[in-house]
């Protein structure tokens, strides 16, 4: 049972737990029985990995503004979720993953390159070459995300984690969860109450996660399409939202010979909080996750 599923059970048994702790303290001495429990830990910790091209104050650190270090789209979703958490009577904190993220503009070919592809040039070779700068920071993002999950779980063992990523950040989160699954880290996985993947370049075709935004279920992320990452669905699809507007260049990718298609697809990917329709999709995803985590009602 996940921590989300245990929320009501834990609250229902709080009196029994308190009585048990009194009995333990009387019999063996609470000071020597266990280590002190952290007192500054919130109920929910939102760990967010910002997206491609979102600005840095300096290398390796975030611009600390209203984005709270996780970037605009994730900050918007964090704010909505925090309101749900607060209304439920709990506390949430936001924690950013510190990694660099290359711009999605690297995926847009020039007109001469499009002409070469139209004349029979191999688009896969072009994208393999041009994709490397875009993907260079993903491995580091995965390492940092895994480290943040484990350190946060160690520091606040009772906190429920929400992982969120946008663009490259979504790929870092997606792969980090898969790594935890491969390594059998059940403690870390059990701490994750839900996941929000926005513009996920590792989106697997026919994912079992909940899809928001109208992208076809059989579509796939740019890394999967270009064989930069072997298609692997998320470990906990029942509590994962894959947010992808149809035609997003990163999470609903395809090879196309029209420069206008690439420009539109890039626009879609970069306007999740600038377009009212896309912004509404983010709100729908957060509302769904809050319900799945038992933070409503």
C-alpha atoms as a PDB file:
ATOM      1  CA  UNK A   1       0.000   0.000   0.000  1.00  0.00           C
ATOM      2  CA  UNK A   2       1.383   3.412  -0.927  1.00  0.00           C
ATOM      3  CA  UNK A   3       1.582   6.308   1.522  1.00  0.00           C
ATOM      4  CA  UNK A   4      -1.407   7.842  -0.261  1.00  0.00           C
ATOM      5  CA  UNK A   5      -3.468   4.761   0.462  1.00  0.00           C
ATOM      6  CA  UNK A   6      -2.327   4.720   4.075  1.00  0.00           C
ATOM      7  CA  UNK A   7      -3.252   8.360   4.777  1.00  0.00           C
ATOM      8  CA  UNK A   8      -6.695   7.689   6.204  1.00  0.00           C
ATOM      9  CA  UNK A   9      -5.585   4.486   7.952  1.00  0.00           C
ATOM     10  CA  UNK A  10      -2.783   6.314   9.709  1.00  0.00           C
ATOM     11  CA  UNK A  11      -5.059   9.090  10.859  1.00  0.00           C
ATOM     12  CA  UNK A  12      -7.671   6.635  12.086  1.00  0.00           C
ATOM     13  CA  UNK A  13      -5.087   4.809  14.219  1.00  0.00           C
ATOM     14  CA  UNK A  14      -3.352   7.851  15.703  1.00  0.00           C
ATOM     15  CA  UNK A  15      -4.813   7.347  19.192  1.00  0.00           C
ATOM     16  CA  UNK A  16      -3.711   3.713  19.302  1.00  0.00           C
ATOM     17  CA  UNK A  17      -0.265   4.744  18.112  1.00  0.00           C
ATOM     18  CA  UNK A  18       0.025   7.409  20.784  1.00  0.00           C
ATOM     19  CA  UNK A  19      -0.937   4.925  23.504  1.00  0.00           C
ATOM     20  CA  UNK A  20       1.622   2.420  22.215  1.00  0.00           C
ATOM     21  CA  UNK A  21       4.365   5.047  22.320  1.00  0.00           C
ATOM     22  CA  UNK A  22       3.506   5.875  25.942  1.00  0.00           C
ATOM     23  CA  UNK A  23       3.789   2.206  26.892  1.00  0.00           C
ATOM     24  CA  UNK A  24       7.129   1.865  25.099  1.00  0.00           C
ATOM     25  CA  UNK A  25       8.480   4.971  26.799  1.00  0.00           C
ATOM     26  CA  UNK A  26       7.505   3.640  30.218  1.00  0.00           C
ATOM     27  CA  UNK A  27       9.003   0.202  29.652  1.00  0.00           C
ATOM     28  CA  UNK A  28      12.316   0.828  27.858  1.00  0.00           C
ATOM     29  CA  UNK A  29      12.931   4.575  27.912  1.00  0.00           C
ATOM     30  CA  UNK A  30      12.151   6.522  24.781  1.00  0.00           C
ATOM     31  CA  UNK A  31      15.518   8.263  24.692  1.00  0.00           C
ATOM     32  CA  UNK A  32      17.396   5.019  23.988  1.00  0.00           C
ATOM     33  CA  UNK A  33      14.658   3.286  21.998  1.00  0.00           C
ATOM     34  CA  UNK A  34      14.795   5.369  18.824  1.00  0.00           C
ATOM     35  CA  UNK A  35      16.386   8.379  17.157  1.00  0.00           C
ATOM     36  CA  UNK A  36      14.640  11.727  17.281  1.00  0.00           C
ATOM     37  CA  UNK A  37      11.979  12.283  14.629  1.00  0.00           C
ATOM     38  CA  UNK A  38      12.553  15.361  12.420  1.00  0.00           C
ATOM     39  CA  UNK A  39      10.315  18.212  13.522  1.00  0.00           C
ATOM     40  CA  UNK A  40      10.678  20.492  10.478  1.00  0.00           C
ATOM     41  CA  UNK A  41       9.397  18.089   7.829  1.00  0.00           C
ATOM     42  CA  UNK A  42       6.210  18.871   5.877  1.00  0.00           C
ATOM     43  CA  UNK A  43       3.570  16.293   5.050  1.00  0.00           C
ATOM     44  CA  UNK A  44       4.181  16.596   1.281  1.00  0.00           C
ATOM     45  CA  UNK A  45       7.400  17.505  -0.543  1.00  0.00           C
ATOM     46  CA  UNK A  46       7.175  18.559  -4.201  1.00  0.00           C
ATOM     47  CA  UNK A  47      10.449  17.721  -5.999  1.00  0.00           C
ATOM     48  CA  UNK A  48      10.547  19.481  -9.369  1.00  0.00           C
ATOM     49  CA  UNK A  49      12.993  19.335 -12.292  1.00  0.00           C
ATOM     50  CA  UNK A  50      12.655  22.410 -14.520  1.00  0.00           C
ATOM     51  CA  UNK A  51      12.365  22.246 -18.284  1.00  0.00           C
ATOM     52  CA  UNK A  52      14.499  22.783 -21.365  1.00  0.00           C
ATOM     53  CA  UNK A  53      15.931  26.266 -21.675  1.00  0.00           C
ATOM     54  CA  UNK A  54      14.391  27.627 -18.475  1.00  0.00           C
ATOM     55  CA  UNK A  55      16.821  30.250 -17.164  1.00  0.00           C
ATOM     56  CA  UNK A  56      19.578  29.857 -14.608  1.00  0.00           C
ATOM     57  CA  UNK A  57      20.941  32.522 -12.314  1.00  0.00           C
ATOM     58  CA  UNK A  58      24.331  30.921 -12.779  1.00  0.00           C
ATOM     59  CA  UNK A  59      25.574  27.496 -13.768  1.00  0.00           C
ATOM     60  CA  UNK A  60      24.222  24.852 -11.430  1.00  0.00           C
ATOM     61  CA  UNK A  61      21.676  27.023  -9.621  1.00  0.00           C
ATOM     62  CA  UNK A  62      18.163  28.287 -10.195  1.00  0.00           C
ATOM     63  CA  UNK A  63      16.650  31.717 -10.559  1.00  0.00           C
ATOM     64  CA  UNK A  64      14.791  32.058  -7.280  1.00  0.00           C
ATOM     65  CA  UNK A  65      11.697  34.076  -8.161  1.00  0.00           C
ATOM     66  CA  UNK A  66       8.017  33.235  -8.040  1.00  0.00           C
ATOM     67  CA  UNK A  67       8.970  30.039  -9.891  1.00  0.00           C
ATOM     68  CA  UNK A  68      10.482  28.804  -6.596  1.00  0.00           C
ATOM     69  CA  UNK A  69      13.328  27.245  -8.538  1.00  0.00           C
ATOM     70  CA  UNK A  70      11.338  24.652 -10.471  1.00  0.00           C
ATOM     71  CA  UNK A  71      10.402  26.730 -13.526  1.00  0.00           C
ATOM     72  CA  UNK A  72       7.128  28.357 -14.555  1.00  0.00           C
ATOM     73  CA  UNK A  73       4.880  25.386 -15.498  1.00  0.00           C
ATOM     74  CA  UNK A  74       5.928  23.301 -12.498  1.00  0.00           C
ATOM     75  CA  UNK A  75       5.559  26.271 -10.163  1.00  0.00           C
ATOM     76  CA  UNK A  76       1.990  26.745 -11.421  1.00  0.00           C
ATOM     77  CA  UNK A  77       1.151  23.095 -10.726  1.00  0.00           C
ATOM     78  CA  UNK A  78       2.943  23.193  -7.375  1.00  0.00           C
ATOM     79  CA  UNK A  79       0.834  26.171  -6.360  1.00  0.00           C
ATOM     80  CA  UNK A  80      -2.399  24.380  -7.234  1.00  0.00           C
ATOM     81  CA  UNK A  81      -1.350  21.233  -5.398  1.00  0.00           C
ATOM     82  CA  UNK A  82      -0.190  23.198  -2.387  1.00  0.00           C
ATOM     83  CA  UNK A  83      -3.647  24.741  -2.146  1.00  0.00           C
ATOM     84  CA  UNK A  84      -5.201  21.260  -2.106  1.00  0.00           C
ATOM     85  CA  UNK A  85      -2.706  20.105   0.538  1.00  0.00           C
ATOM     86  CA  UNK A  86      -3.373  23.170   2.685  1.00  0.00           C
ATOM     87  CA  UNK A  87      -7.143  22.778   2.380  1.00  0.00           C
ATOM     88  CA  UNK A  88      -6.718  19.201   3.567  1.00  0.00           C
ATOM     89  CA  UNK A  89      -4.951  20.509   6.661  1.00  0.00           C
ATOM     90  CA  UNK A  90      -1.407  19.503   5.724  1.00  0.00           C
ATOM     91  CA  UNK A  91       1.797  21.320   4.735  1.00  0.00           C
ATOM     92  CA  UNK A  92       3.765  21.157   1.473  1.00  0.00           C
ATOM     93  CA  UNK A  93       7.252  22.351   0.550  1.00  0.00           C
ATOM     94  CA  UNK A  94       8.816  22.726  -2.915  1.00  0.00           C
ATOM     95  CA  UNK A  95      12.327  21.455  -3.629  1.00  0.00           C
ATOM     96  CA  UNK A  96      14.108  21.977  -6.991  1.00  0.00           C
ATOM     97  CA  UNK A  97      16.431  19.486  -8.696  1.00  0.00           C
ATOM     98  CA  UNK A  98      19.668  21.329  -9.531  1.00  0.00           C
ATOM     99  CA  UNK A  99      20.737  20.413 -13.072  1.00  0.00           C
ATOM    100  CA  UNK A 100      21.275  22.198 -16.398  1.00  0.00           C
ATOM    101  CA  UNK A 101      18.763  21.917 -19.242  1.00  0.00           C
ATOM    102  CA  UNK A 102      19.494  22.608 -22.910  1.00  0.00           C
ATOM    103  CA  UNK A 103      16.999  24.488 -25.078  1.00  0.00           C
ATOM    104  CA  UNK A 104      14.382  22.648 -27.130  1.00  0.00           C
ATOM    105  CA  UNK A 105      15.299  24.964 -30.037  1.00  0.00           C
ATOM    106  CA  UNK A 106      18.117  22.535 -30.822  1.00  0.00           C
ATOM    107  CA  UNK A 107      15.493  20.159 -32.205  1.00  0.00           C
ATOM    108  CA  UNK A 108      14.356  22.593 -34.925  1.00  0.00           C
ATOM    109  CA  UNK A 109      16.223  22.006 -38.214  1.00  0.00           C
ATOM    110  CA  UNK A 110      17.306  24.848 -40.466  1.00  0.00           C
ATOM    111  CA  UNK A 111      15.775  25.317 -43.926  1.00  0.00           C
ATOM    112  CA  UNK A 112      18.884  23.897 -45.706  1.00  0.00           C
ATOM    113  CA  UNK A 113      18.755  20.832 -43.480  1.00  0.00           C
ATOM    114  CA  UNK A 114      15.063  20.344 -44.222  1.00  0.00           C
ATOM    115  CA  UNK A 115      15.838  20.624 -47.936  1.00  0.00           C
ATOM    116  CA  UNK A 116      18.527  17.973 -47.570  1.00  0.00           C
ATOM    117  CA  UNK A 117      16.071  15.650 -45.853  1.00  0.00           C
ATOM    118  CA  UNK A 118      13.491  16.273 -48.591  1.00  0.00           C
ATOM    119  CA  UNK A 119      16.071  15.195 -51.185  1.00  0.00           C
ATOM    120  CA  UNK A 120      16.631  11.904 -49.447  1.00  0.00           C
ATOM    121  CA  UNK A 121      18.990  12.813 -46.647  1.00  0.00           C
ATOM    122  CA  UNK A 122      18.671  10.610 -43.586  1.00  0.00           C
ATOM    123  CA  UNK A 123      16.714  12.551 -40.954  1.00  0.00           C
ATOM    124  CA  UNK A 124      17.657  10.020 -38.287  1.00  0.00           C
ATOM    125  CA  UNK A 125      21.344  10.852 -38.728  1.00  0.00           C
ATOM    126  CA  UNK A 126      20.642  14.580 -38.504  1.00  0.00           C
ATOM    127  CA  UNK A 127      18.633  14.190 -35.331  1.00  0.00           C
ATOM    128  CA  UNK A 128      21.122  11.846 -33.745  1.00  0.00           C
ATOM    129  CA  UNK A 129      23.791  14.507 -34.286  1.00  0.00           C
ATOM    130  CA  UNK A 130      21.701  17.510 -33.255  1.00  0.00           C
ATOM    131  CA  UNK A 131      19.942  15.762 -30.405  1.00  0.00           C
ATOM    132  CA  UNK A 132      23.124  15.202 -28.417  1.00  0.00           C
ATOM    133  CA  UNK A 133      23.370  18.803 -27.125  1.00  0.00           C
ATOM    134  CA  UNK A 134      19.729  18.642 -26.057  1.00  0.00           C
ATOM    135  CA  UNK A 135      20.204  15.344 -24.217  1.00  0.00           C
ATOM    136  CA  UNK A 136      23.607  16.103 -22.657  1.00  0.00           C
ATOM    137  CA  UNK A 137      22.228  17.068 -19.255  1.00  0.00           C
ATOM    138  CA  UNK A 138      19.653  14.296 -18.897  1.00  0.00           C
ATOM    139  CA  UNK A 139      22.017  11.771 -17.278  1.00  0.00           C
ATOM    140  CA  UNK A 140      23.064  14.366 -14.735  1.00  0.00           C
ATOM    141  CA  UNK A 141      19.400  15.197 -14.137  1.00  0.00           C
ATOM    142  CA  UNK A 142      18.658  11.533 -13.429  1.00  0.00           C
ATOM    143  CA  UNK A 143      21.516  11.279 -10.939  1.00  0.00           C
ATOM    144  CA  UNK A 144      20.476  14.451  -9.154  1.00  0.00           C
ATOM    145  CA  UNK A 145      16.823  13.402  -9.009  1.00  0.00           C
ATOM    146  CA  UNK A 146      17.646   9.977  -7.555  1.00  0.00           C
ATOM    147  CA  UNK A 147      19.964  11.585  -5.008  1.00  0.00           C
ATOM    148  CA  UNK A 148      17.298  14.136  -4.037  1.00  0.00           C
ATOM    149  CA  UNK A 149      14.643  11.443  -3.599  1.00  0.00           C
ATOM    150  CA  UNK A 150      16.884   9.370  -1.347  1.00  0.00           C
ATOM    151  CA  UNK A 151      18.212  12.259   0.714  1.00  0.00           C
ATOM    152  CA  UNK A 152      14.706  13.653   1.194  1.00  0.00           C
ATOM    153  CA  UNK A 153      13.380  10.244   2.243  1.00  0.00           C
ATOM    154  CA  UNK A 154      16.242   9.882   4.725  1.00  0.00           C
ATOM    155  CA  UNK A 155      15.672  13.370   6.125  1.00  0.00           C
ATOM    156  CA  UNK A 156      11.866  13.196   6.229  1.00  0.00           C
ATOM    157  CA  UNK A 157      10.897   9.506   6.270  1.00  0.00           C
ATOM    158  CA  UNK A 158       7.196  10.190   6.858  1.00  0.00           C
ATOM    159  CA  UNK A 159       6.809  12.809   4.121  1.00  0.00           C
ATOM    160  CA  UNK A 160       4.951  11.945   0.925  1.00  0.00           C
ATOM    161  CA  UNK A 161       6.811  12.918  -2.237  1.00  0.00           C
ATOM    162  CA  UNK A 162       5.362  14.330  -5.438  1.00  0.00           C
ATOM    163  CA  UNK A 163       7.814  14.173  -8.334  1.00  0.00           C
ATOM    164  CA  UNK A 164       7.338  16.583 -11.206  1.00  0.00           C
ATOM    165  CA  UNK A 165       9.314  17.336 -14.329  1.00  0.00           C
ATOM    166  CA  UNK A 166       8.917  19.463 -17.422  1.00  0.00           C
ATOM    167  CA  UNK A 167      10.595  18.619 -20.756  1.00  0.00           C
ATOM    168  CA  UNK A 168      14.114  17.395 -19.930  1.00  0.00           C
ATOM    169  CA  UNK A 169      13.082  17.488 -16.303  1.00  0.00           C
ATOM    170  CA  UNK A 170      10.268  15.045 -17.084  1.00  0.00           C
ATOM    171  CA  UNK A 171      12.793  12.697 -18.675  1.00  0.00           C
ATOM    172  CA  UNK A 172      15.036  12.970 -15.616  1.00  0.00           C
ATOM    173  CA  UNK A 173      12.137  12.129 -13.304  1.00  0.00           C
ATOM    174  CA  UNK A 174      10.847   9.310 -15.553  1.00  0.00           C
ATOM    175  CA  UNK A 175      14.276   7.671 -15.715  1.00  0.00           C
ATOM    176  CA  UNK A 176      14.984   8.258 -12.034  1.00  0.00           C
ATOM    177  CA  UNK A 177      11.875   6.311 -11.063  1.00  0.00           C
ATOM    178  CA  UNK A 178      12.837   3.505 -13.434  1.00  0.00           C
ATOM    179  CA  UNK A 179      16.312   3.396 -11.865  1.00  0.00           C
ATOM    180  CA  UNK A 180      14.820   3.105  -8.387  1.00  0.00           C
ATOM    181  CA  UNK A 181      12.660   0.245  -9.641  1.00  0.00           C
ATOM    182  CA  UNK A 182      15.648  -1.558 -11.228  1.00  0.00           C
ATOM    183  CA  UNK A 183      17.652  -1.187  -8.037  1.00  0.00           C
ATOM    184  CA  UNK A 184      14.787  -2.471  -5.914  1.00  0.00           C
ATOM    185  CA  UNK A 185      14.632   0.661  -3.758  1.00  0.00           C
ATOM    186  CA  UNK A 186      11.156   0.009  -2.377  1.00  0.00           C
ATOM    187  CA  UNK A 187      11.557   2.557   0.402  1.00  0.00           C
ATOM    188  CA  UNK A 188      12.103   5.399  -2.076  1.00  0.00           C
ATOM    189  CA  UNK A 189       9.361   4.203  -4.424  1.00  0.00           C
ATOM    190  CA  UNK A 190       6.909   3.822  -1.539  1.00  0.00           C
ATOM    191  CA  UNK A 191       7.567   7.445  -0.560  1.00  0.00           C
ATOM    192  CA  UNK A 192       6.374   8.699  -3.965  1.00  0.00           C
ATOM    193  CA  UNK A 193       2.688   9.520  -3.735  1.00  0.00           C
ATOM    194  CA  UNK A 194       2.339  10.813  -7.294  1.00  0.00           C
ATOM    195  CA  UNK A 195       4.158  11.971 -10.414  1.00  0.00           C
ATOM    196  CA  UNK A 196       3.500  14.802 -12.879  1.00  0.00           C
ATOM    197  CA  UNK A 197       5.339  14.455 -16.215  1.00  0.00           C
ATOM    198  CA  UNK A 198       4.879  17.471 -18.492  1.00  0.00           C
ATOM    199  CA  UNK A 199       6.175  17.255 -22.070  1.00  0.00           C
ATOM    200  CA  UNK A 200       7.951  13.971 -21.366  1.00  0.00           C
ATOM    201  CA  UNK A 201      10.470  13.099 -24.076  1.00  0.00           C
ATOM    202  CA  UNK A 202      10.543   9.530 -22.748  1.00  0.00           C
ATOM    203  CA  UNK A 203       6.786   8.997 -23.019  1.00  0.00           C
ATOM    204  CA  UNK A 204       6.229   5.369 -23.982  1.00  0.00           C
ATOM    205  CA  UNK A 205       3.710   4.455 -26.684  1.00  0.00           C
ATOM    206  CA  UNK A 206       0.507   3.083 -25.187  1.00  0.00           C
ATOM    207  CA  UNK A 207       1.500   4.214 -21.702  1.00  0.00           C
ATOM    208  CA  UNK A 208      -0.767   3.099 -18.885  1.00  0.00           C
ATOM    209  CA  UNK A 209      -0.345   6.448 -17.138  1.00  0.00           C
ATOM    210  CA  UNK A 210      -3.215   8.938 -17.168  1.00  0.00           C
ATOM    211  CA  UNK A 211      -2.840  11.152 -20.276  1.00  0.00           C
ATOM    212  CA  UNK A 212      -3.893  14.798 -20.255  1.00  0.00           C
ATOM    213  CA  UNK A 213      -3.785  17.127 -23.265  1.00  0.00           C
ATOM    214  CA  UNK A 214      -5.097  15.110 -26.170  1.00  0.00           C
ATOM    215  CA  UNK A 215      -1.858  13.502 -27.394  1.00  0.00           C
ATOM    216  CA  UNK A 216      -2.532  10.080 -28.949  1.00  0.00           C
ATOM    217  CA  UNK A 217      -1.927   7.194 -26.556  1.00  0.00           C
ATOM    218  CA  UNK A 218       0.153   5.473 -29.233  1.00  0.00           C
ATOM    219  CA  UNK A 219       2.405   8.524 -29.649  1.00  0.00           C
ATOM    220  CA  UNK A 220       5.836   8.743 -28.089  1.00  0.00           C
ATOM    221  CA  UNK A 221       8.475  11.103 -26.811  1.00  0.00           C
ATOM    222  CA  UNK A 222      11.371  12.393 -28.896  1.00  0.00           C
ATOM    223  CA  UNK A 223      13.970  10.225 -27.158  1.00  0.00           C
ATOM    224  CA  UNK A 224      11.930   7.072 -27.715  1.00  0.00           C
ATOM    225  CA  UNK A 225      11.226   7.991 -31.353  1.00  0.00           C
ATOM    226  CA  UNK A 226      14.896   8.576 -32.081  1.00  0.00           C
ATOM    227  CA  UNK A 227      15.984   5.495 -30.140  1.00  0.00           C
ATOM    228  CA  UNK A 228      17.859   7.591 -27.606  1.00  0.00           C
ATOM    229  CA  UNK A 229      15.957   5.834 -24.855  1.00  0.00           C
ATOM    230  CA  UNK A 230      14.378   2.398 -24.872  1.00  0.00           C
ATOM    231  CA  UNK A 231      10.619   2.703 -24.414  1.00  0.00           C
ATOM    232  CA  UNK A 232       9.750   1.914 -20.788  1.00  0.00           C
ATOM    233  CA  UNK A 233       6.505   2.854 -19.117  1.00  0.00           C
ATOM    234  CA  UNK A 234       6.461   4.592 -15.750  1.00  0.00           C
ATOM    235  CA  UNK A 235       6.715   2.301 -12.694  1.00  0.00           C
ATOM    236  CA  UNK A 236       3.508   3.584 -11.032  1.00  0.00           C
ATOM    237  CA  UNK A 237       1.084   4.452 -13.858  1.00  0.00           C
ATOM    238  CA  UNK A 238      -1.946   4.576 -11.570  1.00  0.00           C
ATOM    239  CA  UNK A 239      -0.525   7.660  -9.828  1.00  0.00           C
ATOM    240  CA  UNK A 240       1.311   9.213 -12.798  1.00  0.00           C
ATOM    241  CA  UNK A 241      -0.013  11.951 -15.065  1.00  0.00           C
ATOM    242  CA  UNK A 242       1.537  12.192 -18.544  1.00  0.00           C
ATOM    243  CA  UNK A 243       0.637  15.725 -19.647  1.00  0.00           C
ATOM    244  CA  UNK A 244       1.137  16.207 -23.378  1.00  0.00           C
ATOM    245  CA  UNK A 245      -0.711  18.523 -25.745  1.00  0.00           C
ATOM    246  CA  UNK A 246      -1.147  16.948 -29.169  1.00  0.00           C
ATOM    247  CA  UNK A 247       1.716  17.996 -31.457  1.00  0.00           C
ATOM    248  CA  UNK A 248       4.186  18.879 -28.673  1.00  0.00           C
ATOM    249  CA  UNK A 249       7.640  18.496 -30.261  1.00  0.00           C
ATOM    250  CA  UNK A 250       9.071  16.745 -27.197  1.00  0.00           C
ATOM    251  CA  UNK A 251       6.359  14.365 -25.967  1.00  0.00           C
ATOM    252  CA  UNK A 252       4.468  13.804 -29.268  1.00  0.00           C
ATOM    253  CA  UNK A 253       7.366  13.785 -31.724  1.00  0.00           C
ATOM    254  CA  UNK A 254       7.583  12.721 -35.377  1.00  0.00           C
ATOM    255  CA  UNK A 255       9.812  13.497 -38.364  1.00  0.00           C
ATOM    256  CA  UNK A 256       8.211  16.166 -40.556  1.00  0.00           C
ATOM    257  CA  UNK A 257       9.383  18.047 -43.660  1.00  0.00           C
ATOM    258  CA  UNK A 258       7.582  21.301 -42.919  1.00  0.00           C
ATOM    259  CA  UNK A 259       9.389  24.033 -40.993  1.00  0.00           C
ATOM    260  CA  UNK A 260       5.988  25.402 -39.969  1.00  0.00           C
ATOM    261  CA  UNK A 261       5.202  22.105 -38.241  1.00  0.00           C
ATOM    262  CA  UNK A 262       8.370  22.343 -36.148  1.00  0.00           C
ATOM    263  CA  UNK A 263       7.655  25.961 -35.254  1.00  0.00           C
ATOM    264  CA  UNK A 264       4.115  25.101 -34.157  1.00  0.00           C
ATOM    265  CA  UNK A 265       5.275  21.999 -32.268  1.00  0.00           C
ATOM    266  CA  UNK A 266       7.887  24.070 -30.431  1.00  0.00           C
ATOM    267  CA  UNK A 267       5.251  26.716 -29.638  1.00  0.00           C
ATOM    268  CA  UNK A 268       3.012  24.033 -28.128  1.00  0.00           C
ATOM    269  CA  UNK A 269       5.828  22.744 -25.940  1.00  0.00           C
ATOM    270  CA  UNK A 270       6.797  26.184 -24.625  1.00  0.00           C
ATOM    271  CA  UNK A 271       3.331  27.613 -23.890  1.00  0.00           C
ATOM    272  CA  UNK A 272       1.925  25.398 -21.151  1.00  0.00           C
ATOM    273  CA  UNK A 273       1.400  28.399 -18.873  1.00  0.00           C
ATOM    274  CA  UNK A 274       1.068  31.034 -21.611  1.00  0.00           C
ATOM    275  CA  UNK A 275      -1.908  29.525 -23.428  1.00  0.00           C
ATOM    276  CA  UNK A 276      -5.186  29.425 -21.467  1.00  0.00           C
ATOM    277  CA  UNK A 277      -6.211  26.067 -22.932  1.00  0.00           C
ATOM    278  CA  UNK A 278      -2.899  24.429 -22.068  1.00  0.00           C
ATOM    279  CA  UNK A 279      -2.958  25.975 -18.607  1.00  0.00           C
ATOM    280  CA  UNK A 280      -6.358  24.418 -17.998  1.00  0.00           C
ATOM    281  CA  UNK A 281      -4.890  21.002 -18.826  1.00  0.00           C
ATOM    282  CA  UNK A 282      -2.275  21.447 -16.090  1.00  0.00           C
ATOM    283  CA  UNK A 283      -5.037  22.243 -13.605  1.00  0.00           C
ATOM    284  CA  UNK A 284      -6.947  19.118 -14.625  1.00  0.00           C
ATOM    285  CA  UNK A 285      -3.870  16.956 -14.075  1.00  0.00           C
ATOM    286  CA  UNK A 286      -3.216  18.401 -10.620  1.00  0.00           C
ATOM    287  CA  UNK A 287      -6.864  17.964  -9.591  1.00  0.00           C
ATOM    288  CA  UNK A 288      -6.714  14.321 -10.681  1.00  0.00           C
ATOM    289  CA  UNK A 289      -3.486  13.673  -8.773  1.00  0.00           C
ATOM    290  CA  UNK A 290      -4.808  15.331  -5.615  1.00  0.00           C
ATOM    291  CA  UNK A 291      -7.809  13.029  -5.730  1.00  0.00           C
ATOM    292  CA  UNK A 292      -5.629   9.965  -6.332  1.00  0.00           C
ATOM    293  CA  UNK A 293      -3.483  10.939  -3.323  1.00  0.00           C
ATOM    294  CA  UNK A 294      -6.537  11.284  -1.102  1.00  0.00           C
ATOM    295  CA  UNK A 295      -6.124  15.036  -0.636  1.00  0.00           C
ATOM    296  CA  UNK A 296      -9.706  15.914  -1.487  1.00  0.00           C
ATOM    297  CA  UNK A 297     -12.989  15.414   0.295  1.00  0.00           C
END
